[in-house]
Amino acid sequence: MNKLLNLLYKKALGAAALSLIAATGMASIAYAQHTMKDPARDNYYNTFKDKRVVFVPVFMGLDLTEGWSKLMKAQSERLGYKYEVRNPNFNTAAGAQILTSLISEKPDVIVVQNPDVQSYARLLLKAEQAGIRVIQLNMKTNILTTGFVGADAVEIGERQARAAAKQCGPSTSGKVLILGGPATSPWSVYLQQGYKNILDKQPNIKIVARQSTGNYESAKAKSITQVVLQQNPDLCAVLGVWDNTDVGTAAAIKEAGKSGKVFVTSSGGGGELACKGLNEGMWDHYVSYDVPGQGRDLTDLISAALQAEQNKQKVGAIKTVLYTPLIEMTKANVKEHPCWSLKTIH
C-alpha cells in the first residue's frame, strides 16, 4: 500500500514540475513577444533623416501637380526628409537651368515631369552620374533613369481610340478629330502611337484633322474644334488630349449645337473635373490614371530610392517602371469612381 502511495506521489510531483516548466516557458514567450524589437524599424526611419527630395514639374497650379506635390509633402513630413518644389512654370529653358543648379546642389532624389521627350535627357543622365537618383513622373523623356511612375500613354490612346471606333461605326461618317499637346511632348507622342495602333485597323474611320493645342491650351482646342465642325458638320468623334484642354473642345461642340452628336473622349488624373465633365456631358468617355493611386506609387518609389542610397546601391543599377492602372469612366459608371479633390486627397 505504501509503495502504491509513494508511486502516486512521485507521479504527482512530476506532473507538477512539468506544468511549472510549461508555465515558465509560456511566460518567457509572452515576455519576449512584448519586448521583441523590430529589426528593420529603426534603420528604416533613420534612412530618411536629412535626405532631400526636389520636385521639378512642368508647372504648378494644376490638380495633377498640386495633387502629386501634396502627397510627396505628406510623406516627407511623416518620414522626416526635406521636400521642395522648383517650378519652371512651363518654361523649358528655366527647367533646364533648375536641373543644372540641382546637379551642383546634389539633392538625394529629383522627381521630374518632362515637358518633352528630349530637352532634359542629357541633364537627367548627368544628374544620375553625379549620384542623384532621378524619378520621372507621368511624362518621361527618351531615356530611363532610376524610376518612372505614370500612366502608359500608349494604352490610354488605345482605349480612347477603341471607344471612338465603337461609336463611329459604318452607319456614321466615321470622321474623327485628334487633338494633341506640344508636338514633342511625351504625352502627345505616345498617345498618337496608341491611336495609330487601333485606328489604322478601322476602315470606317477617317481622321479629318490632327492638330496641336500648343501648351494644352483650352482656347486653342476650342478654336480648332470650331473650324473642324464648320468644315465637317457630320464629325463623329474627338479624341482629346487632356481634360483641362478639352473644356474648350466641349464648349465648341455645345456652341455648334452638336452636344450629344459628337462623341468626345478625354483623359486625366481623375480629379473633380473628370466627374463634372461626364455629368455635364462635356465628354462621353474618360480614361483616368488616378492621381491618388499614382501618388502612392510615386512615394513608394521615393522611399525605395532613398533606401537604395542608404544601402550604397549604385545609382542606376536598377531602373523601375511603374505604369499606373487605368480606369475607364462614363456617365453610366461615374458614381462607382468618386473623383478626388485637393481637400480629399491623402
Protein backbone atom coordinates (compact mmCIF):
# COMPACT_ATOMS: atom_id res chain seq x y z
CA MET A 1 0.00 0.00 0.00
CA ASN A 2 2.84 2.38 0.96
CA LYS A 3 4.60 1.58 -2.31
CA LEU A 4 1.49 2.49 -4.28
CA LEU A 5 1.12 5.78 -2.40
CA ASN A 6 4.78 6.60 -2.99
CA LEU A 7 4.40 5.90 -6.73
CA LEU A 8 1.31 8.10 -6.98
CA TYR A 9 3.09 10.87 -5.03
CA LYS A 10 6.11 10.79 -7.38
CA LYS A 11 3.84 10.96 -10.46
CA ALA A 12 2.01 13.94 -8.98
CA LEU A 13 5.31 15.70 -8.31
CA GLY A 14 6.45 15.01 -11.91
CA ALA A 15 3.25 16.37 -13.38
CA ALA A 16 3.50 19.48 -11.22
CA ALA A 17 7.10 20.01 -12.34
CA LEU A 18 6.15 19.69 -15.98
CA SER A 19 3.29 22.15 -15.52
CA LEU A 20 5.67 24.59 -13.85
CA ILE A 21 8.19 24.27 -16.71
CA ALA A 22 5.43 24.76 -19.29
CA ALA A 23 4.04 27.78 -17.47
CA THR A 24 7.53 29.28 -17.20
CA GLY A 25 8.11 28.69 -20.91
CA MET A 26 4.83 30.32 -21.86
CA ALA A 27 5.60 33.29 -19.63
CA SER A 28 9.01 33.67 -21.33
CA ILE A 29 7.40 33.60 -24.78
CA ALA A 30 4.79 36.13 -23.70
CA TYR A 31 7.51 38.39 -22.28
CA ALA A 32 9.57 38.09 -25.46
CA GLN A 33 6.55 38.99 -27.57
CA HIS A 34 6.12 42.18 -25.56
CA THR A 35 9.80 43.12 -25.60
CA MET A 36 10.94 41.94 -29.06
CA LYS A 37 12.30 44.78 -31.25
CA ASP A 38 11.51 45.08 -34.97
CA PRO A 39 14.99 44.69 -36.55
CA ALA A 40 14.08 46.84 -39.59
CA ARG A 41 12.20 49.72 -37.99
CA ASP A 42 14.98 51.96 -36.64
CA ASN A 43 17.11 51.62 -39.76
CA TYR A 44 14.06 52.38 -41.95
CA TYR A 45 13.29 55.70 -40.26
CA ASN A 46 16.95 56.67 -39.92
CA THR A 47 17.25 56.29 -43.69
CA PHE A 48 15.26 59.47 -44.31
CA LYS A 49 16.91 61.82 -41.83
CA ASP A 50 18.50 64.84 -43.53
CA LYS A 51 17.64 63.50 -47.01
CA ARG A 52 16.36 65.92 -49.66
CA VAL A 53 13.83 65.42 -52.46
CA VAL A 54 13.12 68.11 -55.07
CA PHE A 55 10.13 68.13 -57.44
CA VAL A 56 10.55 69.81 -60.85
CA PRO A 57 7.10 69.86 -62.52
CA VAL A 58 6.16 71.26 -65.90
CA PHE A 59 4.16 73.84 -63.96
CA MET A 60 2.25 74.07 -60.70
CA GLY A 61 -1.32 75.24 -60.14
CA LEU A 62 -2.95 72.17 -61.74
CA ASP A 63 -4.91 69.46 -59.99
CA LEU A 64 -2.28 66.95 -61.18
CA THR A 65 0.88 68.70 -60.00
CA GLU A 66 -0.71 70.02 -56.81
CA GLY A 67 -2.05 66.55 -56.02
CA TRP A 68 1.31 64.83 -56.56
CA SER A 69 3.05 67.54 -54.54
CA LYS A 70 0.63 67.27 -51.63
CA LEU A 71 1.26 63.52 -51.40
CA MET A 72 5.05 63.94 -51.54
CA LYS A 73 4.94 66.67 -48.90
CA ALA A 74 2.79 64.47 -46.64
CA GLN A 75 5.30 61.63 -46.96
CA SER A 76 8.22 63.97 -46.22
CA GLU A 77 6.52 65.13 -43.03
CA ARG A 78 5.80 61.56 -42.00
CA LEU A 79 9.28 60.19 -42.71
CA GLY A 80 11.36 63.28 -41.96
CA TYR A 81 13.07 64.12 -45.26
CA LYS A 82 13.26 67.62 -46.76
CA TYR A 83 10.92 68.34 -49.67
CA GLU A 84 10.75 71.31 -52.01
CA VAL A 85 9.33 72.34 -55.38
CA ARG A 86 11.25 74.17 -58.12
CA ASN A 87 8.66 75.40 -60.62
CA PRO A 88 9.84 76.34 -64.15
CA ASN A 89 6.26 77.40 -64.99
CA PHE A 90 6.13 75.73 -68.43
CA ASN A 91 9.45 77.27 -69.46
CA THR A 92 11.75 74.50 -70.70
CA ALA A 93 14.85 76.73 -70.60
CA ALA A 94 14.07 77.65 -66.99
CA GLY A 95 13.57 73.95 -66.21
CA ALA A 96 16.99 73.14 -67.69
CA GLN A 97 18.57 75.86 -65.54
CA ILE A 98 16.86 74.45 -62.45
CA LEU A 99 18.17 70.95 -63.19
CA THR A 100 21.68 72.30 -63.84
CA SER A 101 21.60 74.05 -60.48
CA LEU A 102 20.32 70.93 -58.72
CA ILE A 103 23.15 68.84 -60.15
CA SER A 104 25.53 71.18 -58.32
CA GLU A 105 23.42 71.17 -55.15
CA LYS A 106 23.15 67.36 -55.15
CA PRO A 107 19.80 66.55 -53.52
CA ASP A 108 19.26 62.85 -52.93
CA VAL A 109 16.30 62.49 -55.33
CA ILE A 110 14.91 64.63 -58.16
CA VAL A 111 11.34 63.99 -59.25
CA VAL A 112 10.83 65.47 -62.71
CA GLN A 113 7.89 65.88 -65.07
CA ASN A 114 9.38 66.23 -68.56
CA PRO A 115 7.94 68.83 -70.98
CA ASP A 116 9.11 66.80 -73.98
CA VAL A 117 10.95 63.61 -74.84
CA GLN A 118 14.40 65.14 -75.32
CA SER A 119 15.08 68.52 -73.66
CA TYR A 120 16.06 67.20 -70.22
CA ALA A 121 17.51 63.83 -71.29
CA ARG A 122 21.23 64.70 -71.03
CA LEU A 123 20.70 66.60 -67.79
CA LEU A 124 18.91 63.65 -66.20
CA LEU A 125 21.77 61.35 -67.17
CA LYS A 126 24.25 63.88 -65.82
CA ALA A 127 22.31 64.06 -62.54
CA GLU A 128 22.47 60.29 -62.11
CA GLN A 129 26.17 60.28 -62.97
CA ALA A 130 26.58 62.82 -60.15
CA GLY A 131 24.91 60.38 -57.74
CA ILE A 132 21.40 61.85 -57.75
CA ARG A 133 18.54 59.39 -58.21
CA VAL A 134 16.02 60.65 -60.78
CA ILE A 135 12.38 59.62 -60.84
CA GLN A 136 10.39 60.69 -63.89
CA LEU A 137 6.72 61.43 -63.32
CA ASN A 138 3.92 60.74 -65.82
CA MET A 139 5.80 62.33 -68.74
CA LYS A 140 9.05 60.55 -69.50
CA THR A 141 11.96 61.52 -71.67
CA ASN A 142 13.53 59.11 -74.17
CA ILE A 143 15.95 57.67 -71.58
CA LEU A 144 15.29 55.62 -68.46
CA THR A 145 16.57 56.71 -65.05
CA THR A 146 16.21 55.21 -61.57
CA GLY A 147 12.44 55.22 -61.91
CA PHE A 148 9.33 56.18 -63.83
CA VAL A 149 5.87 56.45 -62.33
CA GLY A 150 2.97 57.34 -64.58
CA ALA A 151 0.29 56.34 -66.99
CA ASP A 152 1.00 54.24 -70.06
CA ALA A 153 0.09 56.91 -72.61
CA VAL A 154 0.09 54.36 -75.44
CA GLU A 155 -2.57 52.34 -73.61
CA ILE A 156 -4.61 55.48 -72.93
CA GLY A 157 -4.53 56.26 -76.64
CA GLU A 158 -5.63 52.72 -77.47
CA ARG A 159 -8.54 52.90 -75.02
CA GLN A 160 -9.67 56.25 -76.35
CA ALA A 161 -9.40 55.02 -79.93
CA ARG A 162 -11.41 51.85 -79.21
CA ALA A 163 -14.18 53.91 -77.63
CA ALA A 164 -14.30 56.27 -80.63
CA ALA A 165 -14.19 53.41 -83.15
CA LYS A 166 -17.08 51.69 -81.37
CA GLN A 167 -19.11 54.89 -81.54
CA CYS A 168 -18.24 55.70 -85.15
CA GLY A 169 -19.36 52.56 -86.93
CA PRO A 170 -20.46 52.07 -90.56
CA SER A 171 -23.74 53.94 -90.03
CA THR A 172 -21.81 57.15 -89.19
CA SER A 173 -19.48 59.42 -91.13
CA GLY A 174 -16.54 57.89 -89.27
CA LYS A 175 -14.93 61.33 -89.16
CA VAL A 176 -12.55 61.89 -86.24
CA LEU A 177 -10.64 64.91 -84.96
CA ILE A 178 -7.45 64.25 -82.98
CA LEU A 179 -6.20 66.95 -80.61
CA GLY A 180 -2.68 66.82 -79.21
CA GLY A 181 -0.41 68.87 -76.98
CA PRO A 182 3.07 70.18 -77.87
CA ALA A 183 4.40 68.18 -80.80
CA THR A 184 7.34 66.66 -78.89
CA SER A 185 5.55 66.18 -75.58
CA PRO A 186 5.75 62.55 -74.39
CA TRP A 187 2.00 62.75 -73.83
CA SER A 188 1.39 63.72 -77.47
CA VAL A 189 3.94 61.34 -78.96
CA TYR A 190 2.81 58.22 -77.08
CA LEU A 191 -0.93 58.93 -77.29
CA GLN A 192 -0.57 59.21 -81.06
CA GLN A 193 1.06 55.78 -81.14
CA GLY A 194 -1.89 54.35 -79.23
CA TYR A 195 -4.36 55.97 -81.63
CA LYS A 196 -2.47 54.58 -84.60
CA ASN A 197 -2.40 51.05 -83.15
CA ILE A 198 -6.21 50.95 -83.17
CA LEU A 199 -7.48 53.38 -85.80
CA ASP A 200 -5.25 52.07 -88.60
CA LYS A 201 -7.25 48.82 -88.36
CA GLN A 202 -10.64 50.57 -88.65
CA PRO A 203 -11.58 51.03 -92.33
CA ASN A 204 -14.56 53.25 -91.47
CA ILE A 205 -12.52 55.81 -89.53
CA LYS A 206 -11.44 58.96 -91.37
CA ILE A 207 -9.09 61.31 -89.49
CA VAL A 208 -10.13 64.73 -90.78
CA ALA A 209 -7.60 66.69 -88.71
CA ARG A 210 -4.75 66.07 -86.30
CA GLN A 211 -3.73 69.32 -84.61
CA SER A 212 -1.74 70.56 -81.62
CA THR A 213 -3.36 72.67 -78.92
CA GLY A 214 0.00 74.26 -78.13
CA ASN A 215 0.76 74.03 -74.43
CA TYR A 216 -2.50 72.18 -73.81
CA GLU A 217 -4.44 75.42 -74.30
CA SER A 218 -8.20 75.16 -73.83
CA ALA A 219 -8.84 78.24 -76.01
CA LYS A 220 -6.84 76.71 -78.86
CA ALA A 221 -8.71 73.40 -78.54
CA LYS A 222 -11.95 75.36 -78.82
CA SER A 223 -10.90 77.30 -81.94
CA ILE A 224 -9.60 74.17 -83.70
CA THR A 225 -12.81 72.28 -82.94
CA GLN A 226 -14.92 75.19 -84.18
CA VAL A 227 -13.11 75.26 -87.54
CA VAL A 228 -13.26 71.47 -87.96
CA LEU A 229 -17.00 71.43 -87.19
CA GLN A 230 -17.61 74.14 -89.77
CA GLN A 231 -15.75 72.07 -92.36
CA ASN A 232 -17.20 68.75 -91.17
CA PRO A 233 -20.68 69.25 -89.66
CA ASP A 234 -21.07 65.46 -89.61
CA LEU A 235 -18.00 64.99 -87.37
CA CYS A 236 -18.42 61.80 -85.36
CA ALA A 237 -15.80 62.00 -82.58
CA VAL A 238 -13.00 63.97 -80.98
CA LEU A 239 -10.01 62.30 -79.33
CA GLY A 240 -8.94 64.90 -76.76
CA VAL A 241 -5.52 65.14 -75.15
CA TRP A 242 -6.42 66.11 -71.56
CA ASP A 243 -9.47 67.13 -69.56
CA ASN A 244 -8.30 70.70 -68.82
CA THR A 245 -7.72 71.24 -72.53
CA ASP A 246 -10.97 69.57 -73.56
CA VAL A 247 -13.10 72.04 -71.65
CA GLY A 248 -12.55 74.17 -74.77
CA THR A 249 -13.36 71.24 -77.06
CA ALA A 250 -16.67 70.70 -75.27
CA ALA A 251 -17.52 74.41 -75.40
CA ALA A 252 -17.07 74.49 -79.18
CA ILE A 253 -19.32 71.44 -79.63
CA LYS A 254 -22.00 72.92 -77.38
CA GLU A 255 -21.95 76.28 -79.17
CA ALA A 256 -22.33 74.49 -82.51
CA GLY A 257 -25.45 72.73 -81.22
CA LYS A 258 -23.72 69.35 -81.51
CA SER A 259 -23.88 68.23 -77.86
CA GLY A 260 -24.74 64.53 -77.79
CA LYS A 261 -24.00 64.24 -81.51
CA VAL A 262 -20.20 64.40 -81.41
CA PHE A 263 -18.56 61.77 -79.20
CA VAL A 264 -15.73 63.14 -77.04
CA THR A 265 -13.15 61.03 -75.24
CA SER A 266 -10.62 62.62 -72.90
CA SER A 267 -8.19 61.63 -70.15
CA GLY A 268 -6.64 62.94 -66.96
CA GLY A 269 -5.92 62.29 -63.32
CA GLY A 270 -9.50 61.59 -62.27
CA GLY A 271 -9.98 64.80 -60.30
CA GLU A 272 -13.20 66.77 -59.81
CA LEU A 273 -13.17 67.98 -63.41
CA ALA A 274 -13.35 64.39 -64.68
CA CYS A 275 -16.65 63.72 -62.94
CA LYS A 276 -18.03 67.16 -63.70
CA GLY A 277 -17.26 66.70 -67.39
CA LEU A 278 -19.03 63.35 -67.53
CA ASN A 279 -22.07 64.51 -65.55
CA GLU A 280 -22.46 67.68 -67.62
CA GLY A 281 -21.85 65.98 -70.97
CA MET A 282 -18.57 67.72 -71.79
CA TRP A 283 -17.13 64.30 -72.66
CA ASP A 284 -18.69 60.87 -73.08
CA HIS A 285 -15.69 58.71 -72.26
CA TYR A 286 -12.77 59.34 -69.92
CA VAL A 287 -9.58 57.44 -69.12
CA SER A 288 -8.34 58.18 -65.60
CA TYR A 289 -4.84 57.49 -64.34
CA ASP A 290 -5.99 58.03 -60.76
CA VAL A 291 -3.64 60.58 -59.17
CA PRO A 292 -4.14 59.31 -55.58
CA GLY A 293 -3.08 55.79 -56.60
CA GLN A 294 -0.31 57.21 -58.75
CA GLY A 295 0.89 59.28 -55.79
CA ARG A 296 1.14 56.13 -53.67
CA ASP A 297 3.31 54.52 -56.36
CA LEU A 298 5.44 57.65 -56.52
CA THR A 299 6.03 57.97 -52.78
CA ASP A 300 6.81 54.25 -52.56
CA LEU A 301 9.45 54.67 -55.27
CA ILE A 302 10.93 57.70 -53.48
CA SER A 303 11.15 55.61 -50.30
CA ALA A 304 12.85 52.78 -52.22
CA ALA A 305 15.30 55.20 -53.87
CA LEU A 306 16.33 56.68 -50.53
CA GLN A 307 16.78 53.22 -49.02
CA ALA A 308 18.89 52.20 -52.03
CA GLU A 309 21.12 55.20 -51.33
CA GLN A 310 21.39 54.26 -47.67
CA ASN A 311 22.42 50.75 -48.74
CA LYS A 312 25.12 52.19 -51.04
CA GLN A 313 23.48 50.77 -54.15
CA LYS A 314 24.94 52.27 -57.31
CA VAL A 315 22.72 54.90 -58.91
CA GLY A 316 21.02 53.49 -61.99
CA ALA A 317 21.85 49.88 -61.14
CA ILE A 318 18.11 49.17 -61.05
CA LYS A 319 15.60 51.03 -63.22
CA THR A 320 11.98 50.65 -62.15
CA VAL A 321 8.94 51.43 -64.31
CA LEU A 322 5.53 51.58 -62.61
CA TYR A 323 2.66 52.10 -65.04
CA THR A 324 -0.45 53.28 -63.23
CA PRO A 325 -3.58 51.11 -63.53
CA LEU A 326 -6.14 52.92 -65.70
CA ILE A 327 -9.85 53.42 -65.09
CA GLU A 328 -12.36 53.96 -67.92
CA MET A 329 -15.24 56.19 -66.90
CA THR A 330 -18.56 57.09 -68.49
CA LYS A 331 -21.66 58.83 -67.18
CA ALA A 332 -23.13 55.38 -66.52
CA ASN A 333 -20.39 54.31 -64.09
CA VAL A 334 -19.09 57.64 -62.77
CA LYS A 335 -20.65 57.05 -59.32
CA GLU A 336 -18.52 53.93 -58.97
CA HIS A 337 -15.33 56.00 -59.27
CA PRO A 338 -15.54 59.04 -56.97
CA CYS A 339 -13.31 61.86 -58.17
CA TRP A 340 -10.75 63.33 -55.80
CA SER A 341 -10.02 66.93 -54.86
CA LEU A 342 -7.08 68.61 -53.13
CA LYS A 343 -9.18 68.62 -49.95
CA THR A 344 -9.84 64.86 -50.06
CA ILE A 345 -6.55 63.53 -51.43
CA HIS A 346 -4.32 61.92 -48.84
